[in-house]
Each structure stands twice: as C-alpha cells, then as structure tokens.
Amino acid sequence: MPKASTKKSEKPIEELTYEEALAELEGIVEVLEGEQSQLEEAIKLFERGQALAARCGVLLEAAQLKVKQVAGDDVSAFEEESE
C-alpha cells in the first residue's frame, strides 16, 4: 500500500494529472484511516487531501467541458438518458 507523505519533494498540486491527484488522495485516506498519526501530521495530510480533491474537481470539470465542445448537443441527450 502506498503511503502518503508530506515530504518537500511532493509535486505541486497544480501540476498533477487527475490520475496522480486521485492516487495520492487515496493514499492519504488510507493513512488517515489506518494509522495513529500525530495531530500536526494528520492536519497536513487532511489539508493536502482537500487541495487534491479540489484539483480533481477542476480537472473533471475541464474534461466535461471538452466533451461538450466536441459532442455538442449530443451530450445533453446522453445525460438525460443516464438519469
């Protein structure tokens, strides 16, 4: 299991791909759920996790916009069918 860390060598969040951000976020969740962390370390992990979740949201919104631009009105028909 990958461990999340707060090392200085971490890649800046704004440079992470969706997959990288999600993988790191999952690692942080594992650490916070499974270990007794020092309060300060847990807070740092939580803050990074919040920022990673926001990054994933931004990347998903950008992907959705691209799909809508490419597919046009066909996307809204698909969204209605899937609900």
PDB file of N, CA and C in Angstrom:
ATOM      1  N   MET A   1       0.827  -1.182   0.000  1.00  0.00           N
ATOM      2  CA  MET A   1       0.000   0.000   0.000  1.00  0.00           C
ATOM      3  C   MET A   1       0.874   1.248   0.000  1.00  0.00           C
ATOM      4  N   PRO A   2       0.595   2.173  -0.905  1.00  0.00           N
ATOM      5  CA  PRO A   2       1.390   3.384  -0.922  1.00  0.00           C
ATOM      6  C   PRO A   2       1.066   4.261   0.274  1.00  0.00           C
ATOM      7  N   LYS A   3       2.101   4.849   0.808  1.00  0.00           N
ATOM      8  CA  LYS A   3       1.909   5.744   1.941  1.00  0.00           C
ATOM      9  C   LYS A   3       1.921   7.179   1.462  1.00  0.00           C
ATOM     10  N   ALA A   4       1.043   7.958   1.978  1.00  0.00           N
ATOM     11  CA  ALA A   4       1.040   9.386   1.682  1.00  0.00           C
ATOM     12  C   ALA A   4       2.085  10.037   2.571  1.00  0.00           C
ATOM     13  N   SER A   5       2.648  11.099   2.076  1.00  0.00           N
ATOM     14  CA  SER A   5       3.645  11.794   2.876  1.00  0.00           C
ATOM     15  C   SER A   5       3.502  13.288   2.681  1.00  0.00           C
ATOM     16  N   THR A   6       4.172  14.012   3.535  1.00  0.00           N
ATOM     17  CA  THR A   6       4.187  15.456   3.395  1.00  0.00           C
ATOM     18  C   THR A   6       5.610  15.920   3.124  1.00  0.00           C
ATOM     19  N   LYS A   7       6.379  15.120   2.406  1.00  0.00           N
ATOM     20  CA  LYS A   7       7.756  15.446   2.082  1.00  0.00           C
ATOM     21  C   LYS A   7       7.805  16.666   1.180  1.00  0.00           C
ATOM     22  N   LYS A   8       8.914  17.362   1.238  1.00  0.00           N
ATOM     23  CA  LYS A   8       9.104  18.552   0.412  1.00  0.00           C
ATOM     24  C   LYS A   8       9.215  18.188  -1.069  1.00  0.00           C
ATOM     25  N   SER A   9       9.471  16.922  -1.407  1.00  0.00           N
ATOM     26  CA  SER A   9       9.641  16.513  -2.796  1.00  0.00           C
ATOM     27  C   SER A   9       8.307  16.277  -3.507  1.00  0.00           C
ATOM     28  N   GLU A  10       7.192  16.537  -2.813  1.00  0.00           N
ATOM     29  CA  GLU A  10       5.887  16.353  -3.440  1.00  0.00           C
ATOM     30  C   GLU A  10       5.739  17.284  -4.628  1.00  0.00           C
ATOM     31  N   LYS A  11       5.103  16.772  -5.654  1.00  0.00           N
ATOM     32  CA  LYS A  11       4.820  17.572  -6.834  1.00  0.00           C
ATOM     33  C   LYS A  11       3.743  18.593  -6.486  1.00  0.00           C
ATOM     34  N   PRO A  12       3.888  19.833  -6.967  1.00  0.00           N
ATOM     35  CA  PRO A  12       2.835  20.822  -6.703  1.00  0.00           C
ATOM     36  C   PRO A  12       1.485  20.341  -7.245  1.00  0.00           C
ATOM     37  N   ILE A  13       0.442  20.572  -6.504  1.00  0.00           N
ATOM     38  CA  ILE A  13      -0.884  20.065  -6.854  1.00  0.00           C
ATOM     39  C   ILE A  13      -1.327  20.523  -8.228  1.00  0.00           C
ATOM     40  N   GLU A  14      -1.051  21.761  -8.580  1.00  0.00           N
ATOM     41  CA  GLU A  14      -1.487  22.273  -9.876  1.00  0.00           C
ATOM     42  C   GLU A  14      -0.783  21.609 -11.059  1.00  0.00           C
ATOM     43  N   GLU A  15       0.269  20.844 -10.799  1.00  0.00           N
ATOM     44  CA  GLU A  15       0.974  20.130 -11.864  1.00  0.00           C
ATOM     45  C   GLU A  15       0.541  18.667 -11.985  1.00  0.00           C
ATOM     46  N   LEU A  16      -0.290  18.195 -11.074  1.00  0.00           N
ATOM     47  CA  LEU A  16      -0.702  16.792 -11.068  1.00  0.00           C
ATOM     48  C   LEU A  16      -1.770  16.524 -12.122  1.00  0.00           C
ATOM     49  N   THR A  17      -1.694  15.352 -12.721  1.00  0.00           N
ATOM     50  CA  THR A  17      -2.775  14.903 -13.586  1.00  0.00           C
ATOM     51  C   THR A  17      -3.901  14.411 -12.680  1.00  0.00           C
ATOM     52  N   TYR A  18      -5.062  14.158 -13.274  1.00  0.00           N
ATOM     53  CA  TYR A  18      -6.189  13.646 -12.493  1.00  0.00           C
ATOM     54  C   TYR A  18      -5.803  12.326 -11.815  1.00  0.00           C
ATOM     55  N   GLU A  19      -5.173  11.441 -12.574  1.00  0.00           N
ATOM     56  CA  GLU A  19      -4.820  10.131 -12.045  1.00  0.00           C
ATOM     57  C   GLU A  19      -3.820  10.240 -10.897  1.00  0.00           C
ATOM     58  N   GLU A  20      -2.834  11.137 -11.037  1.00  0.00           N
ATOM     59  CA  GLU A  20      -1.850  11.328  -9.971  1.00  0.00           C
ATOM     60  C   GLU A  20      -2.508  11.893  -8.720  1.00  0.00           C
ATOM     61  N   ALA A  21      -3.364  12.884  -8.903  1.00  0.00           N
ATOM     62  CA  ALA A  21      -4.037  13.505  -7.761  1.00  0.00           C
ATOM     63  C   ALA A  21      -4.946  12.504  -7.053  1.00  0.00           C
ATOM     64  N   LEU A  22      -5.683  11.723  -7.819  1.00  0.00           N
ATOM     65  CA  LEU A  22      -6.580  10.734  -7.227  1.00  0.00           C
ATOM     66  C   LEU A  22      -5.802   9.659  -6.472  1.00  0.00           C
ATOM     67  N   ALA A  23      -4.705   9.189  -7.053  1.00  0.00           N
ATOM     68  CA  ALA A  23      -3.892   8.165  -6.390  1.00  0.00           C
ATOM     69  C   ALA A  23      -3.315   8.692  -5.072  1.00  0.00           C
ATOM     70  N   GLU A  24      -2.833   9.926  -5.085  1.00  0.00           N
ATOM     71  CA  GLU A  24      -2.294  10.498  -3.851  1.00  0.00           C
ATOM     72  C   GLU A  24      -3.400  10.700  -2.821  1.00  0.00           C
ATOM     73  N   LEU A  25      -4.553  11.145  -3.273  1.00  0.00           N
ATOM     74  CA  LEU A  25      -5.689  11.332  -2.369  1.00  0.00           C
ATOM     75  C   LEU A  25      -6.093  10.009  -1.732  1.00  0.00           C
ATOM     76  N   GLU A  26      -6.135   8.950  -2.515  1.00  0.00           N
ATOM     77  CA  GLU A  26      -6.461   7.620  -1.971  1.00  0.00           C
ATOM     78  C   GLU A  26      -5.427   7.192  -0.939  1.00  0.00           C
ATOM     79  N   GLY A  27      -4.159   7.487  -1.192  1.00  0.00           N
ATOM     80  CA  GLY A  27      -3.101   7.160  -0.226  1.00  0.00           C
ATOM     81  C   GLY A  27      -3.266   7.917   1.078  1.00  0.00           C
ATOM     82  N   ILE A  28      -3.638   9.177   0.977  1.00  0.00           N
ATOM     83  CA  ILE A  28      -3.859   9.986   2.174  1.00  0.00           C
ATOM     84  C   ILE A  28      -5.024   9.420   2.985  1.00  0.00           C
ATOM     85  N   VAL A  29      -6.085   9.040   2.312  1.00  0.00           N
ATOM     86  CA  VAL A  29      -7.239   8.463   3.009  1.00  0.00           C
ATOM     87  C   VAL A  29      -6.829   7.188   3.742  1.00  0.00           C
ATOM     88  N   GLU A  30      -6.038   6.344   3.086  1.00  0.00           N
ATOM     89  CA  GLU A  30      -5.568   5.109   3.732  1.00  0.00           C
ATOM     90  C   GLU A  30      -4.772   5.417   4.988  1.00  0.00           C
ATOM     91  N   VAL A  31      -3.877   6.370   4.915  1.00  0.00           N
ATOM     92  CA  VAL A  31      -3.056   6.723   6.071  1.00  0.00           C
ATOM     93  C   VAL A  31      -3.920   7.261   7.204  1.00  0.00           C
ATOM     94  N   LEU A  32      -4.835   8.169   6.871  1.00  0.00           N
ATOM     95  CA  LEU A  32      -5.664   8.765   7.914  1.00  0.00           C
ATOM     96  C   LEU A  32      -6.620   7.757   8.536  1.00  0.00           C
ATOM     97  N   GLU A  33      -7.074   6.794   7.756  1.00  0.00           N
ATOM     98  CA  GLU A  33      -7.980   5.775   8.299  1.00  0.00           C
ATOM     99  C   GLU A  33      -7.244   4.695   9.080  1.00  0.00           C
ATOM    100  N   GLY A  34      -6.003   4.413   8.694  1.00  0.00           N
ATOM    101  CA  GLY A  34      -5.342   3.242   9.239  1.00  0.00           C
ATOM    102  C   GLY A  34      -4.308   3.462  10.310  1.00  0.00           C
ATOM    103  N   GLU A  35      -3.805   4.646  10.458  1.00  0.00           N
ATOM    104  CA  GLU A  35      -2.705   4.858  11.392  1.00  0.00           C
ATOM    105  C   GLU A  35      -3.048   5.916  12.427  1.00  0.00           C
ATOM    106  N   GLN A  36      -2.380   5.813  13.525  1.00  0.00           N
ATOM    107  CA  GLN A  36      -2.465   6.849  14.549  1.00  0.00           C
ATOM    108  C   GLN A  36      -1.394   7.875  14.210  1.00  0.00           C
ATOM    109  N   SER A  37      -1.778   8.922  13.525  1.00  0.00           N
ATOM    110  CA  SER A  37      -0.840   9.968  13.141  1.00  0.00           C
ATOM    111  C   SER A  37      -0.794  11.038  14.209  1.00  0.00           C
ATOM    112  N   GLN A  38       0.322  11.724  14.269  1.00  0.00           N
ATOM    113  CA  GLN A  38       0.415  12.906  15.104  1.00  0.00           C
ATOM    114  C   GLN A  38      -0.603  13.910  14.587  1.00  0.00           C
ATOM    115  N   LEU A  39      -1.155  14.693  15.467  1.00  0.00           N
ATOM    116  CA  LEU A  39      -2.183  15.654  15.082  1.00  0.00           C
ATOM    117  C   LEU A  39      -1.677  16.588  13.983  1.00  0.00           C
ATOM    118  N   GLU A  40      -0.488  17.106  14.132  1.00  0.00           N
ATOM    119  CA  GLU A  40       0.061  18.031  13.136  1.00  0.00           C
ATOM    120  C   GLU A  40       0.200  17.352  11.776  1.00  0.00           C
ATOM    121  N   GLU A  41       0.680  16.119  11.756  1.00  0.00           N
ATOM    122  CA  GLU A  41       0.818  15.359  10.508  1.00  0.00           C
ATOM    123  C   GLU A  41      -0.555  15.078   9.894  1.00  0.00           C
ATOM    124  N   ALA A  42      -1.522  14.714  10.716  1.00  0.00           N
ATOM    125  CA  ALA A  42      -2.870  14.433  10.221  1.00  0.00           C
ATOM    126  C   ALA A  42      -3.495  15.687   9.608  1.00  0.00           C
ATOM    127  N   ILE A  43      -3.270  16.828  10.223  1.00  0.00           N
ATOM    128  CA  ILE A  43      -3.807  18.081   9.687  1.00  0.00           C
ATOM    129  C   ILE A  43      -3.174  18.400   8.344  1.00  0.00           C
ATOM    130  N   LYS A  44      -1.862  18.224   8.229  1.00  0.00           N
ATOM    131  CA  LYS A  44      -1.181  18.469   6.952  1.00  0.00           C
ATOM    132  C   LYS A  44      -1.720  17.547   5.865  1.00  0.00           C
ATOM    133  N   LEU A  45      -1.906  16.278   6.212  1.00  0.00           N
ATOM    134  CA  LEU A  45      -2.439  15.323   5.243  1.00  0.00           C
ATOM    135  C   LEU A  45      -3.859  15.701   4.841  1.00  0.00           C
ATOM    136  N   PHE A  46      -4.668  16.076   5.808  1.00  0.00           N
ATOM    137  CA  PHE A  46      -6.046  16.486   5.525  1.00  0.00           C
ATOM    138  C   PHE A  46      -6.076  17.702   4.601  1.00  0.00           C
ATOM    139  N   GLU A  47      -5.235  18.693   4.881  1.00  0.00           N
ATOM    140  CA  GLU A  47      -5.189  19.894   4.038  1.00  0.00           C
ATOM    141  C   GLU A  47      -4.768  19.556   2.614  1.00  0.00           C
ATOM    142  N   ARG A  48      -3.758  18.700   2.470  1.00  0.00           N
ATOM    143  CA  ARG A  48      -3.320  18.289   1.129  1.00  0.00           C
ATOM    144  C   ARG A  48      -4.439  17.499   0.456  1.00  0.00           C
ATOM    145  N   GLY A  49      -5.119  16.660   1.198  1.00  0.00           N
ATOM    146  CA  GLY A  49      -6.232  15.895   0.646  1.00  0.00           C
ATOM    147  C   GLY A  49      -7.346  16.794   0.131  1.00  0.00           C
ATOM    148  N   GLN A  50      -7.656  17.843   0.877  1.00  0.00           N
ATOM    149  CA  GLN A  50      -8.671  18.806   0.445  1.00  0.00           C
ATOM    150  C   GLN A  50      -8.252  19.473  -0.862  1.00  0.00           C
ATOM    151  N   ALA A  51      -6.987  19.857  -0.955  1.00  0.00           N
ATOM    152  CA  ALA A  51      -6.483  20.503  -2.169  1.00  0.00           C
ATOM    153  C   ALA A  51      -6.482  19.517  -3.342  1.00  0.00           C
ATOM    154  N   LEU A  52      -6.145  18.260  -3.077  1.00  0.00           N
ATOM    155  CA  LEU A  52      -6.166  17.240  -4.130  1.00  0.00           C
ATOM    156  C   LEU A  52      -7.590  17.002  -4.629  1.00  0.00           C
ATOM    157  N   ALA A  53      -8.538  16.956  -3.724  1.00  0.00           N
ATOM    158  CA  ALA A  53      -9.938  16.764  -4.117  1.00  0.00           C
ATOM    159  C   ALA A  53     -10.411  17.933  -4.983  1.00  0.00           C
ATOM    160  N   ALA A  54     -10.015  19.141  -4.621  1.00  0.00           N
ATOM    161  CA  ALA A  54     -10.382  20.313  -5.419  1.00  0.00           C
ATOM    162  C   ALA A  54      -9.743  20.229  -6.801  1.00  0.00           C
ATOM    163  N   ARG A  55      -8.492  19.787  -6.873  1.00  0.00           N
ATOM    164  CA  ARG A  55      -7.797  19.640  -8.163  1.00  0.00           C
ATOM    165  C   ARG A  55      -8.526  18.621  -9.033  1.00  0.00           C
ATOM    166  N   CYS A  56      -8.927  17.518  -8.459  1.00  0.00           N
ATOM    167  CA  CYS A  56      -9.668  16.505  -9.222  1.00  0.00           C
ATOM    168  C   CYS A  56     -10.966  17.093  -9.763  1.00  0.00           C
ATOM    169  N   GLY A  57     -11.655  17.879  -8.951  1.00  0.00           N
ATOM    170  CA  GLY A  57     -12.895  18.513  -9.388  1.00  0.00           C
ATOM    171  C   GLY A  57     -12.665  19.448 -10.569  1.00  0.00           C
ATOM    172  N   VAL A  58     -11.616  20.248 -10.501  1.00  0.00           N
ATOM    173  CA  VAL A  58     -11.294  21.176 -11.589  1.00  0.00           C
ATOM    174  C   VAL A  58     -10.983  20.406 -12.873  1.00  0.00           C
ATOM    175  N   LEU A  59     -10.200  19.345 -12.748  1.00  0.00           N
ATOM    176  CA  LEU A  59      -9.834  18.555 -13.932  1.00  0.00           C
ATOM    177  C   LEU A  59     -11.047  17.849 -14.532  1.00  0.00           C
ATOM    178  N   LEU A  60     -11.953  17.363 -13.694  1.00  0.00           N
ATOM    179  CA  LEU A  60     -13.161  16.721 -14.198  1.00  0.00           C
ATOM    180  C   LEU A  60     -14.069  17.723 -14.906  1.00  0.00           C
ATOM    181  N   GLU A  61     -14.179  18.918 -14.350  1.00  0.00           N
ATOM    182  CA  GLU A  61     -14.992  19.956 -14.998  1.00  0.00           C
ATOM    183  C   GLU A  61     -14.400  20.333 -16.353  1.00  0.00           C
ATOM    184  N   ALA A  62     -13.076  20.430 -16.429  1.00  0.00           N
ATOM    185  CA  ALA A  62     -12.425  20.759 -17.697  1.00  0.00           C
ATOM    186  C   ALA A  62     -12.656  19.655 -18.725  1.00  0.00           C
ATOM    187  N   ALA A  63     -12.592  18.402 -18.281  1.00  0.00           N
ATOM    188  CA  ALA A  63     -12.835  17.284 -19.192  1.00  0.00           C
ATOM    189  C   ALA A  63     -14.275  17.294 -19.681  1.00  0.00           C
ATOM    190  N   GLN A  64     -15.205  17.588 -18.793  1.00  0.00           N
ATOM    191  CA  GLN A  64     -16.616  17.643 -19.169  1.00  0.00           C
ATOM    192  C   GLN A  64     -16.853  18.745 -20.197  1.00  0.00           C
ATOM    193  N   LEU A  65     -16.213  19.887 -20.010  1.00  0.00           N
ATOM    194  CA  LEU A  65     -16.349  20.987 -20.952  1.00  0.00           C
ATOM    195  C   LEU A  65     -15.818  20.590 -22.327  1.00  0.00           C
ATOM    196  N   LYS A  66     -14.676  19.907 -22.350  1.00  0.00           N
ATOM    197  CA  LYS A  66     -14.102  19.458 -23.625  1.00  0.00           C
ATOM    198  C   LYS A  66     -15.045  18.495 -24.339  1.00  0.00           C
ATOM    199  N   VAL A  67     -15.630  17.571 -23.582  1.00  0.00           N
ATOM    200  CA  VAL A  67     -16.558  16.608 -24.168  1.00  0.00           C
ATOM    201  C   VAL A  67     -17.760  17.336 -24.749  1.00  0.00           C
ATOM    202  N   LYS A  68     -18.280  18.311 -24.032  1.00  0.00           N
ATOM    203  CA  LYS A  68     -19.427  19.077 -24.522  1.00  0.00           C
ATOM    204  C   LYS A  68     -19.070  19.861 -25.781  1.00  0.00           C
ATOM    205  N   GLN A  69     -17.853  20.389 -25.839  1.00  0.00           N
ATOM    206  CA  GLN A  69     -17.427  21.128 -27.023  1.00  0.00           C
ATOM    207  C   GLN A  69     -17.314  20.216 -28.230  1.00  0.00           C
ATOM    208  N   VAL A  70     -16.830  19.008 -28.012  1.00  0.00           N
ATOM    209  CA  VAL A  70     -16.654  18.059 -29.110  1.00  0.00           C
ATOM    210  C   VAL A  70     -17.986  17.459 -29.538  1.00  0.00           C
ATOM    211  N   ALA A  71     -18.804  17.062 -28.572  1.00  0.00           N
ATOM    212  CA  ALA A  71     -20.042  16.348 -28.875  1.00  0.00           C
ATOM    213  C   ALA A  71     -21.226  17.280 -29.110  1.00  0.00           C
ATOM    214  N   GLY A  72     -21.125  18.504 -28.657  1.00  0.00           N
ATOM    215  CA  GLY A  72     -22.224  19.449 -28.845  1.00  0.00           C
ATOM    216  C   GLY A  72     -23.475  19.024 -28.118  1.00  0.00           C
ATOM    217  N   ASP A  73     -24.629  19.115 -28.803  1.00  0.00           N
ATOM    218  CA  ASP A  73     -25.921  18.797 -28.197  1.00  0.00           C
ATOM    219  C   ASP A  73     -26.092  17.313 -27.902  1.00  0.00           C
ATOM    220  N   ASP A  74     -25.279  16.456 -28.491  1.00  0.00           N
ATOM    221  CA  ASP A  74     -25.391  15.020 -28.251  1.00  0.00           C
ATOM    222  C   ASP A  74     -25.144  14.672 -26.789  1.00  0.00           C
ATOM    223  N   VAL A  75     -24.327  15.449 -26.091  1.00  0.00           N
ATOM    224  CA  VAL A  75     -24.025  15.178 -24.682  1.00  0.00           C
ATOM    225  C   VAL A  75     -25.256  15.363 -23.824  1.00  0.00           C
ATOM    226  N   SER A  76     -26.024  16.407 -24.056  1.00  0.00           N
ATOM    227  CA  SER A  76     -27.201  16.627 -23.220  1.00  0.00           C
ATOM    228  C   SER A  76     -28.219  15.512 -23.405  1.00  0.00           C
ATOM    229  N   ALA A  77     -28.328  14.958 -24.607  1.00  0.00           N
ATOM    230  CA  ALA A  77     -29.227  13.822 -24.826  1.00  0.00           C
ATOM    231  C   ALA A  77     -28.748  12.615 -24.024  1.00  0.00           C
ATOM    232  N   PHE A  78     -27.437  12.405 -23.977  1.00  0.00           N
ATOM    233  CA  PHE A  78     -26.875  11.295 -23.230  1.00  0.00           C
ATOM    234  C   PHE A  78     -27.111  11.491 -21.736  1.00  0.00           C
ATOM    235  N   GLU A  79     -26.924  12.706 -21.231  1.00  0.00           N
ATOM    236  CA  GLU A  79     -27.129  12.986 -19.814  1.00  0.00           C
ATOM    237  C   GLU A  79     -28.573  12.711 -19.416  1.00  0.00           C
ATOM    238  N   GLU A  80     -29.538  13.046 -20.260  1.00  0.00           N
ATOM    239  CA  GLU A  80     -30.941  12.810 -19.958  1.00  0.00           C
ATOM    240  C   GLU A  80     -31.242  11.322 -19.898  1.00  0.00           C
ATOM    241  N   GLU A  81     -30.642  10.538 -20.789  1.00  0.00           N
ATOM    242  CA  GLU A  81     -30.877   9.088 -20.820  1.00  0.00           C
ATOM    243  C   GLU A  81     -30.285   8.416 -19.600  1.00  0.00           C
ATOM    244  N   SER A  82     -29.143   8.891 -19.094  1.00  0.00           N
ATOM    245  CA  SER A  82     -28.472   8.224 -17.990  1.00  0.00           C
ATOM    246  C   SER A  82     -29.098   8.528 -16.642  1.00  0.00           C
ATOM    247  N   GLU A  83     -29.976   9.507 -16.560  1.00  0.00           N
ATOM    248  CA  GLU A  83     -30.580   9.864 -15.270  1.00  0.00           C
ATOM    249  C   GLU A  83     -31.703   8.981 -14.896  1.00  0.00           C
TER     250      GLU A  83
END
